[in-house]
Protein backbone atom coordinates (compact mmCIF):
# COMPACT_ATOMS: atom_id res chain seq x y z
CA MET A 1 7.24 -16.22 -26.96
CA TRP A 2 9.00 -13.78 -28.62
CA PRO A 3 12.86 -15.00 -29.54
CA SER A 4 13.48 -11.89 -31.09
CA SER A 5 13.10 -9.84 -29.04
CA ALA A 6 15.18 -7.25 -26.31
CA LEU A 7 14.83 -7.27 -22.58
CA ILE A 8 15.14 -3.46 -21.01
CA GLY A 9 14.65 -3.94 -17.31
CA ILE A 10 15.05 -1.32 -14.74
CA GLU A 11 16.15 -1.34 -10.79
CA THR A 12 17.44 1.08 -8.75
CA ASP A 13 19.22 -1.66 -5.71
CA PRO A 14 21.93 -2.78 -6.61
CA VAL A 15 21.37 -5.85 -5.55
CA ALA A 16 18.50 -6.72 -7.34
CA ALA A 17 20.06 -5.02 -10.48
CA LEU A 18 23.54 -7.93 -9.65
CA MET A 19 20.69 -10.74 -9.21
CA ALA A 20 18.70 -10.14 -12.17
CA ARG A 21 21.59 -9.76 -14.53
CA ALA A 22 22.92 -13.33 -13.27
CA VAL A 23 19.66 -15.03 -13.66
CA LEU A 24 19.18 -14.15 -17.18
CA ARG A 25 22.85 -15.53 -18.08
CA GLY A 26 22.39 -18.35 -16.21
CA ASN A 27 18.65 -19.18 -18.58
CA GLY A 28 21.22 -17.87 -21.40
CA LEU A 29 19.29 -14.49 -22.53
CA ALA A 30 21.27 -12.22 -21.23
CA PRO A 31 22.98 -11.82 -25.28
CA ARG A 32 20.07 -9.45 -26.28
CA ALA A 33 18.95 -8.15 -22.05
CA THR A 34 20.30 -5.49 -20.58
CA VAL A 35 19.28 -4.04 -16.68
CA LEU A 36 19.88 -0.44 -15.88
CA LEU A 37 21.04 0.65 -12.38
CA ARG A 38 18.41 4.07 -12.77
CA ASP A 39 15.97 5.97 -11.84
CA TYR A 40 12.67 4.28 -14.04
CA ARG A 41 11.50 8.19 -14.21
CA ALA A 42 14.95 9.48 -15.87
CA ALA A 43 16.39 6.89 -18.09
CA ASP A 44 16.58 6.87 -21.48
CA LEU A 45 15.42 3.63 -22.56
CA PHE A 46 16.04 4.07 -26.37
CA PRO A 47 19.05 5.59 -27.27
CA ASN A 48 18.56 3.77 -30.14
CA GLU A 49 15.52 3.34 -31.47
CA GLY A 50 14.10 0.29 -33.32
CA THR A 51 11.24 -0.54 -35.35
CA GLY A 52 8.95 -2.95 -33.50
CA PRO A 53 6.54 -2.13 -30.11
CA THR A 54 7.87 -2.19 -27.44
CA LEU A 55 5.70 -3.87 -24.16
CA PHE A 56 6.27 -2.56 -20.51
CA ILE A 57 4.94 -4.88 -17.62
CA GLY A 58 5.54 -4.46 -14.15
CA ASN A 59 4.56 -4.13 -10.23
CA PRO A 60 5.65 -0.08 -9.72
CA PRO A 61 7.05 -0.26 -5.61
CA TYR A 62 4.34 1.38 -2.84
CA VAL A 63 5.91 4.17 -1.38
CA ARG A 64 3.59 6.97 -0.45
CA HIS A 65 4.45 10.42 -1.24
CA HIS A 66 5.77 11.69 2.38
CA HIS A 67 8.24 9.15 1.41
CA ILE A 68 9.49 10.01 -1.79
CA GLU A 69 11.37 12.97 -3.26
CA GLU A 70 10.69 16.94 -3.29
CA LYS A 71 12.08 16.64 -6.83
CA TRP A 72 9.79 14.03 -7.44
CA LYS A 73 7.44 15.12 -6.59
CA GLN A 74 7.94 18.59 -8.79
CA TRP A 75 8.75 16.70 -11.71
CA LEU A 76 5.47 14.92 -11.31
CA SER A 77 3.92 18.33 -11.68
CA ALA A 78 5.63 19.43 -14.77
CA THR A 79 5.49 16.64 -16.44
CA ALA A 80 1.85 16.32 -15.98
CA ARG A 81 1.26 19.65 -16.64
CA ARG A 82 2.76 20.16 -19.68
CA ARG A 83 0.57 17.39 -20.61
CA GLY A 84 -2.69 19.28 -19.48
CA LEU A 85 -3.29 16.55 -17.13
CA THR A 86 -4.41 16.60 -13.14
CA VAL A 87 -1.97 15.96 -10.44
CA SER A 88 -1.75 16.01 -7.12
CA GLN A 89 1.43 15.55 -5.29
CA LEU A 90 0.07 13.26 -2.65
CA ALA A 91 0.04 10.43 -5.56
CA GLY A 92 1.78 7.57 -5.16
CA LEU A 93 4.97 6.42 -6.57
CA HIS A 94 3.40 4.04 -8.99
CA VAL A 95 1.48 7.38 -10.27
CA HIS A 96 4.51 8.88 -11.48
CA PHE A 97 6.02 5.17 -13.05
CA LEU A 98 2.24 5.37 -15.24
CA LEU A 99 3.75 9.26 -16.00
CA ALA A 100 7.20 8.02 -16.58
CA THR A 101 5.72 5.16 -19.10
CA ILE A 102 3.61 7.93 -21.36
CA GLU A 103 6.90 10.03 -21.70
CA HIS A 104 8.57 6.73 -22.63
CA GLY A 105 6.29 5.28 -25.25
CA ARG A 106 5.19 6.22 -28.48
CA VAL A 107 2.12 5.26 -30.30
CA GLY A 108 1.16 1.48 -30.62
CA ASP A 109 3.73 0.28 -27.06
CA TYR A 110 1.34 -1.49 -25.35
CA GLY A 111 1.24 -2.42 -22.00
CA ALA A 112 0.13 -4.55 -18.14
CA PHE A 113 1.23 -2.49 -15.42
CA VAL A 114 -0.16 -4.58 -11.47
CA THR A 115 -0.25 -1.55 -8.60
CA ALA A 116 -2.13 -1.28 -5.96
CA ALA A 117 -5.92 -0.72 -6.69
CA GLU A 118 -6.81 2.93 -4.43
CA TRP A 119 -5.84 5.54 -8.51
CA LEU A 120 -9.35 3.72 -9.34
CA ASP A 121 -11.36 6.09 -6.60
CA VAL A 122 -8.79 8.31 -4.79
CA ASN A 123 -8.97 12.24 -5.81
CA TYR A 124 -5.05 12.13 -5.87
CA GLY A 125 -5.09 8.75 -8.69
CA ALA A 126 -7.69 11.28 -10.97
CA LEU A 127 -3.73 11.82 -12.90
CA VAL A 128 -4.11 7.99 -13.55
CA ARG A 129 -7.48 7.90 -14.57
CA GLU A 130 -6.70 10.64 -16.86
CA LEU A 131 -3.94 9.22 -18.78
CA PHE A 132 -5.84 5.73 -18.98
CA LEU A 133 -8.70 7.49 -20.76
CA GLY A 134 -6.28 9.12 -22.59
CA ASP A 135 -2.80 8.78 -24.67
CA LEU A 136 -2.27 5.51 -22.14
CA GLY A 137 -4.75 3.91 -24.57
CA GLY A 138 -6.52 2.11 -20.86
CA LEU A 139 -7.84 -1.49 -22.52
CA ALA A 140 -8.08 -3.33 -20.30
CA LEU A 141 -8.62 -3.46 -16.05
CA HIS A 142 -8.39 -6.28 -13.44
CA VAL A 143 -9.35 -5.58 -9.72
CA ILE A 144 -7.89 -8.35 -8.15
CA ASP A 145 -10.04 -9.09 -4.54
CA PRO A 146 -7.62 -8.81 -1.26
CA LYS A 147 -7.65 -12.09 -0.27
CA ALA A 148 -6.80 -13.04 -2.54
CA MET A 149 -3.30 -11.88 -1.60
CA PRO A 150 -1.77 -10.41 -4.71
CA PHE A 151 0.62 -9.32 -3.04
CA PRO A 152 2.55 -11.76 -0.79
CA ASP A 153 3.30 -9.77 1.52
CA ALA A 154 0.20 -7.04 1.80
CA ALA A 155 -3.52 -7.49 1.89
CA ALA A 156 -4.10 -5.16 -0.47
CA THR A 157 -6.38 -5.24 -3.53
CA ALA A 158 -4.96 -5.05 -6.31
CA ALA A 159 -5.76 -3.98 -10.09
CA ILE A 160 -3.92 -4.71 -13.21
CA ALA A 161 -3.93 -1.98 -15.90
CA CYS A 162 -3.72 -3.08 -19.59
CA PHE A 163 -3.14 -0.65 -23.00
CA GLU A 164 -2.42 0.17 -26.34
CA ILE A 165 -0.73 3.79 -25.67
CA GLY A 166 -2.14 5.84 -27.91
CA SER A 167 -5.39 3.36 -28.33
CA ARG A 168 -8.88 4.97 -28.02
CA ALA A 169 -10.91 1.87 -27.48
CA SER A 170 -15.07 2.67 -27.46
CA SER A 171 -15.29 0.61 -24.31
CA ILE A 172 -13.29 -1.60 -21.21
CA HIS A 173 -13.05 -4.68 -20.39
CA VAL A 174 -13.89 -4.44 -16.10
CA ARG A 175 -13.73 -6.62 -13.56
CA ARG A 176 -13.55 -7.82 -10.45
CA VAL A 177 -11.62 -10.82 -10.12
CA GLU A 178 -11.48 -13.42 -6.64
CA SER A 179 -8.85 -15.48 -6.75
CA LEU A 180 -5.54 -15.70 -8.89
CA ASP A 181 -5.99 -18.99 -10.51
CA CYS A 182 -9.71 -16.74 -11.36
CA LEU A 183 -7.26 -14.41 -13.52
CA GLY A 184 -7.12 -16.29 -16.57
CA ASP A 185 -6.90 -13.98 -19.67
CA LEU A 186 -6.95 -9.98 -19.16
CA ARG A 187 -8.93 -9.55 -22.49
CA ASP A 188 -11.10 -10.67 -19.98
CA GLY A 189 -14.05 -9.12 -18.01
CA GLN A 190 -17.52 -7.57 -18.76
CA ARG A 191 -18.01 -4.70 -21.40
CA ILE A 192 -18.10 -1.36 -20.23
CA ARG A 193 -18.38 1.60 -22.74
CA ARG A 194 -15.78 4.06 -22.47
CA GLU A 195 -17.88 6.97 -21.73
CA ARG A 196 -19.84 6.00 -19.07
CA ILE A 197 -15.91 5.56 -17.80
CA GLU A 198 -15.35 8.86 -18.38
CA ALA A 199 -18.93 10.02 -16.77
CA ALA A 200 -17.58 8.17 -13.30
CA ARG A 201 -16.20 9.60 -10.34
CA ARG A 202 -15.20 6.51 -9.02
CA TRP A 203 -14.59 3.46 -10.55
CA THR A 204 -14.23 0.25 -9.03
CA PRO A 205 -17.89 0.01 -8.26
CA LEU A 206 -17.81 -0.57 -12.14
CA THR A 207 -16.28 -3.56 -11.87
CA SER A 208 -18.84 -5.32 -9.12
CA GLY A 209 -22.00 -4.29 -11.59
CA ALA A 210 -25.42 -3.84 -11.29
CA ARG A 211 -26.60 -3.86 -7.15
CA ASP A 212 -30.01 -4.55 -5.88
CA ILE A 213 -31.04 -2.60 -2.99
CA PRO A 214 -33.27 -4.26 -0.47
CA GLU A 215 -36.92 -3.02 -0.48
CA GLY A 216 -36.91 -0.15 2.37
CA PHE A 217 -33.81 0.44 2.16
CA VAL A 218 -31.23 3.44 0.81
CA GLU A 219 -27.71 4.30 0.25
CA LEU A 220 -26.37 6.70 2.99
CA GLY A 221 -26.59 9.19 1.47
CA GLU A 222 -29.44 9.71 0.42
CA LEU A 223 -29.81 10.66 3.73
CA CYS A 224 -26.48 12.19 5.35
CA ARG A 225 -23.45 13.98 4.21
CA VAL A 226 -20.31 12.29 4.80
CA HIS A 227 -17.65 14.61 4.98
CA ARG A 228 -13.91 14.18 5.73
CA GLY A 229 -13.34 16.29 8.68
CA GLN A 230 -10.56 18.91 7.83
CA VAL A 231 -6.99 18.83 7.40
CA THR A 232 -5.36 21.39 9.79
CA GLY A 233 -1.80 21.65 8.26
CA SER A 234 0.05 21.34 11.49
CA ASN A 235 -1.05 18.73 14.27
CA ALA A 236 1.83 19.78 16.40
CA PHE A 237 0.91 23.50 16.41
CA TRP A 238 -2.88 24.29 15.89
CA ILE A 239 -4.12 22.01 18.62
CA HIS A 240 -3.11 23.34 21.89
CA GLY A 241 -0.09 23.54 24.09
CA GLU A 242 2.03 24.46 25.73
CA HIS A 243 2.84 26.72 22.57
CA ALA A 244 -0.54 28.67 22.52
CA ARG A 245 -1.46 28.50 26.35
CA ASP A 246 -2.41 32.60 26.45
CA LEU A 247 -5.14 32.29 23.75
CA PRO A 248 -8.81 33.03 24.45
CA GLU A 249 -11.16 29.77 24.65
CA ASP A 250 -12.74 31.71 22.20
CA VAL A 251 -10.91 30.26 19.35
CA LEU A 252 -10.43 26.53 21.05
CA TYR A 253 -13.00 23.90 20.04
CA PRO A 254 -12.80 20.15 21.77
CA THR A 255 -11.77 18.02 18.53
CA VAL A 256 -11.55 14.58 18.46
CA THR A 257 -8.16 14.10 16.99
CA ARG A 258 -7.66 10.24 17.05
CA ALA A 259 -9.50 7.84 16.22
CA ARG A 260 -9.12 5.88 19.19
CA GLU A 261 -11.23 8.38 20.92
CA LEU A 262 -13.93 7.32 18.43
CA PHE A 263 -13.66 3.65 19.37
CA ALA A 264 -13.27 4.42 23.72
CA ALA A 265 -16.72 6.33 23.01
CA GLY A 266 -18.82 3.86 22.50
CA PRO A 267 -22.08 4.25 21.59
CA LYS A 268 -22.43 8.28 22.17
CA LEU A 269 -20.00 10.91 22.81
CA ARG A 270 -21.19 11.78 25.97
CA ASP A 271 -18.40 14.27 27.37
CA LEU A 272 -15.87 16.63 26.20
CA THR A 273 -13.53 16.11 28.76
CA GLY A 274 -10.18 14.22 27.91
CA LEU A 275 -10.40 15.73 23.79
CA ARG A 276 -7.50 17.84 22.90
CA ARG A 277 -8.68 21.23 21.71
CA VAL A 278 -8.35 22.83 17.51
CA ILE A 279 -7.11 26.47 17.21
CA ASP A 280 -9.10 28.04 14.89
CA VAL A 281 -9.08 31.24 14.85
CA PRO A 282 -11.40 33.36 12.57
CA GLU A 283 -10.72 35.25 9.52
CA ASP A 284 -10.97 38.99 10.84
CA LEU A 285 -8.44 39.88 13.36
CA ASP A 286 -10.73 42.65 14.12
CA GLN A 287 -13.87 40.88 16.32
CA PHE A 288 -10.91 40.07 19.10
CA ALA A 289 -9.46 43.57 21.29
CA GLY A 290 -7.50 44.14 24.44
CA GLU A 291 -5.58 41.05 26.11
CA ALA A 292 -7.01 38.83 23.64
CA ARG A 293 -6.05 40.31 20.20
CA ARG A 294 -2.49 39.78 21.61
CA ALA A 295 -2.75 36.83 22.58
CA ILE A 296 -3.74 36.02 19.52
CA GLU A 297 -0.95 37.91 17.91
CA SER A 298 1.38 37.05 19.50
CA PHE A 299 0.63 33.24 19.02
CA LEU A 300 0.79 33.84 15.55
CA ARG A 301 4.30 35.87 15.03
CA ARG A 302 5.05 32.56 16.65
CA ALA A 303 3.07 30.24 13.86
CA ARG A 304 5.33 32.97 11.50
CA ARG A 305 9.01 32.08 12.79
CA ALA A 306 7.61 28.84 13.03
CA GLU A 307 7.43 29.06 9.33
CA VAL A 308 4.10 27.13 9.64
CA HIS A 309 2.39 29.68 7.42
CA ARG A 310 4.77 28.23 4.63
CA GLY A 311 3.28 25.35 4.55
CA TYR A 312 1.32 23.43 1.57
CA ILE A 313 -2.68 23.60 3.35
CA ALA A 314 -2.49 26.20 5.86
CA SER A 315 -0.53 28.44 2.78
CA SER A 316 -3.34 27.17 0.39
CA ARG A 317 -5.86 28.79 2.41
CA ARG A 318 -7.24 32.13 1.99
CA THR A 319 -6.27 33.01 5.18
CA TRP A 320 -3.49 31.12 6.59
CA TRP A 321 -4.42 31.03 10.04
CA HIS A 322 -7.75 29.56 9.49
CA VAL A 323 -8.39 25.97 9.67
CA GLY A 324 -12.06 25.98 9.10
CA LEU A 325 -13.16 23.84 10.89
CA HIS A 326 -16.50 22.40 10.80
CA GLU A 327 -19.79 22.42 12.88
CA PRO A 328 -20.64 19.30 15.15
CA ALA A 329 -21.74 16.26 13.28
CA PRO A 330 -24.03 15.04 14.28
CA ILE A 331 -22.48 11.12 13.63
CA LEU A 332 -19.05 11.02 13.34
CA ALA A 333 -17.58 7.41 11.78
CA THR A 334 -14.09 6.20 12.16
CA TYR A 335 -12.63 5.61 8.30
CA MET A 336 -9.24 3.64 8.18
CA ALA A 337 -8.41 1.07 10.82
CA ARG A 338 -7.19 -2.95 10.79
CA ARG A 339 -11.27 -3.14 11.68
CA PRO A 340 -14.37 -1.86 11.05
CA PRO A 341 -15.56 1.60 11.33
CA GLY A 342 -16.48 2.85 14.59
CA PHE A 343 -20.20 4.88 13.69
CA VAL A 344 -20.82 7.03 16.98
CA ARG A 345 -23.39 10.07 18.13
CA ASN A 346 -21.46 12.75 18.83
CA VAL A 347 -24.65 14.51 22.02
CA ALA A 348 -21.16 16.77 22.99
CA GLY A 349 -21.43 18.30 19.48
CA ALA A 350 -16.82 17.55 19.72
CA ARG A 351 -15.39 19.56 16.54
CA HIS A 352 -13.05 16.56 14.16
CA ILE A 353 -10.74 17.07 12.33
CA ASN A 354 -9.58 14.50 9.15
CA ILE A 355 -8.80 11.09 11.34
CA ALA A 356 -12.81 10.69 10.21
CA HIS A 357 -15.60 11.33 9.00
CA GLY A 358 -18.46 13.74 9.72
CA LEU A 359 -22.42 12.19 8.80
CA TYR A 360 -24.75 15.01 8.33
CA PRO A 361 -28.72 14.66 7.50
CA ARG A 362 -29.57 16.18 4.01
CA GLU A 363 -32.99 16.71 6.27
CA ARG A 364 -33.41 17.41 9.62
CA LEU A 365 -33.59 13.61 11.51
CA PRO A 366 -35.24 13.09 15.23
CA GLY A 367 -32.40 12.71 17.23
CA ARG A 368 -33.24 9.18 18.16
CA LEU A 369 -33.90 7.87 14.60
CA LEU A 370 -29.82 9.59 14.63
CA ASP A 371 -28.67 7.29 17.79
CA LYS A 372 -30.63 3.79 15.76
CA LEU A 373 -28.57 4.36 12.65
CA ALA A 374 -25.25 5.13 14.42
CA VAL A 375 -25.73 1.44 16.72
CA PHE A 376 -27.49 -0.03 12.96
CA LEU A 377 -24.42 1.24 11.02
CA ALA A 378 -21.16 0.15 13.60
CA SER A 379 -23.76 -3.33 14.08
CA SER A 380 -24.06 -3.54 10.00
CA VAL A 381 -20.88 -2.53 8.14
CA SER A 382 -17.48 -5.38 7.66
CA LEU A 383 -14.83 -4.71 6.74
CA THR A 384 -15.45 -6.31 2.87
CA ASP A 385 -17.97 -2.98 2.02
CA GLY A 386 -14.35 -0.39 2.24
CA ARG A 387 -10.80 -0.27 0.11
CA THR A 388 -8.05 -2.18 1.86
CA TYR A 389 -4.84 -0.66 1.13
CA ALA A 390 -1.10 -2.10 1.56
CA GLY A 391 0.13 -2.76 4.69
CA GLY A 392 -3.77 -4.26 5.86
CA LEU A 393 -5.17 -0.97 6.12
CA VAL A 394 -9.02 -1.06 5.31
CA LYS A 395 -10.00 3.01 4.56
CA PHE A 396 -14.16 3.58 3.40
CA GLU A 397 -14.13 7.11 1.51
CA PRO A 398 -16.85 9.52 1.82
CA ARG A 399 -18.35 9.13 -1.07
CA GLU A 400 -17.55 4.61 -0.28
CA MET A 401 -19.20 5.05 2.53
CA GLU A 402 -22.68 7.11 1.70
CA ARG A 403 -22.99 3.82 -0.45
CA LEU A 404 -23.86 1.56 2.70
CA LEU A 405 -26.88 0.24 2.72
CA VAL A 406 -29.28 1.44 5.53
CA PRO A 407 -33.01 0.47 6.83
CA ARG A 408 -35.00 4.41 5.33
CA PRO A 409 -36.64 6.63 7.84
CA GLU A 410 -39.49 4.69 8.70
CA ARG A 411 -37.92 1.43 9.01
CA LEU A 412 -35.07 2.70 10.76
CA ALA A 413 -37.93 3.80 13.42
CA SER A 414 -38.16 0.19 14.24
CA VAL A 415 -36.35 -1.12 16.43
CA GLU A 416 -35.91 -4.41 14.94
CA CYS A 417 -34.63 -3.57 12.13
CA ILE A 418 -30.97 -2.62 14.75
CA ALA A 419 -29.92 -6.01 15.02
CA GLY A 420 -29.98 -7.85 11.16
CA SER A 421 -27.03 -6.26 9.17
CA VAL A 422 -27.57 -5.78 5.12
CA ARG A 423 -25.23 -7.25 2.63
CA ALA A 424 -25.79 -5.68 -1.58
């Protein structure tokens, strides 16, 4: 299409780089193509400045933050903050690529990247959303249903982000595509005004259009707040074991620490027996005396020697040793699996950490209605209600779960409503 253009390819795998060079040579394109064996974030792409625009295209690798080197996490933080952008080191590698692109690019350059779609909604995707509406110059978003298998080796929701660096479109093309055959022209899609996108905390709902709520139903968020369980920062240390055998019972809380504990419980979690206990030491240690105080101080000294207090989560807390478990939630829900989430009435009063969500009624609901709400959710929610990540895992963020449709309390009181499922 562009016979006078030049190609710059970036690759970190020597074998893949060699194969790319061979393919280019075999097609007669080697004279105007270069394949660099570099990291995209550090590459000098334009040692000799050209006069024309650059088109950035690619499928940045999906690598979770756990597998990203610390030096690159620091690069992400420093580069984002220099641009005045929100940053989280929980971001995956595709977020790094989009930030690097604005570093490499110039006003008037174009781009189209295919990535996992999670950045549209999650907290650590805020950096990409700010970039897309800011200097990156977002023009269009195309979200591809995981059933279309946009990535042959993973059942994941994909997003194609199209942009022109430095532009500021008054409206952006947004759409959801059910199959790759329907993808067609990347200029297609519903035009959504920039102001509406800027105001949205999550962007995936924008791709689905407005939905009709059946008579007698509401979104779950009208009845309940959904909160993810507390992050301990170090389950190996904060979950009770031999390393903490002398601690007083006052700081040990029976807690759901594995999703399978909820799946195994059935409709109701009636018994705390078998649950592990999470250590949650109060901020104020003066309420303890004698043997209990000595045991807690001994435990905290062991934690310091293990440098637990230096961990990212612990060091971010007001008091590093206070995990801050939430109060028991009347309903507990799993939120990430290759099966629909489980919803369990927590009649035993177990706490939960961040492997589960807790549903907390906004106004008091009688126990019998909570029972029926849990049964209704367990029977009606399907995998298609969540977001599919790389690897086929389906995840429900708290705000996504709050968008599930449930009967109003007066309708929930009837037994008949339990048997059916609701589709928006």
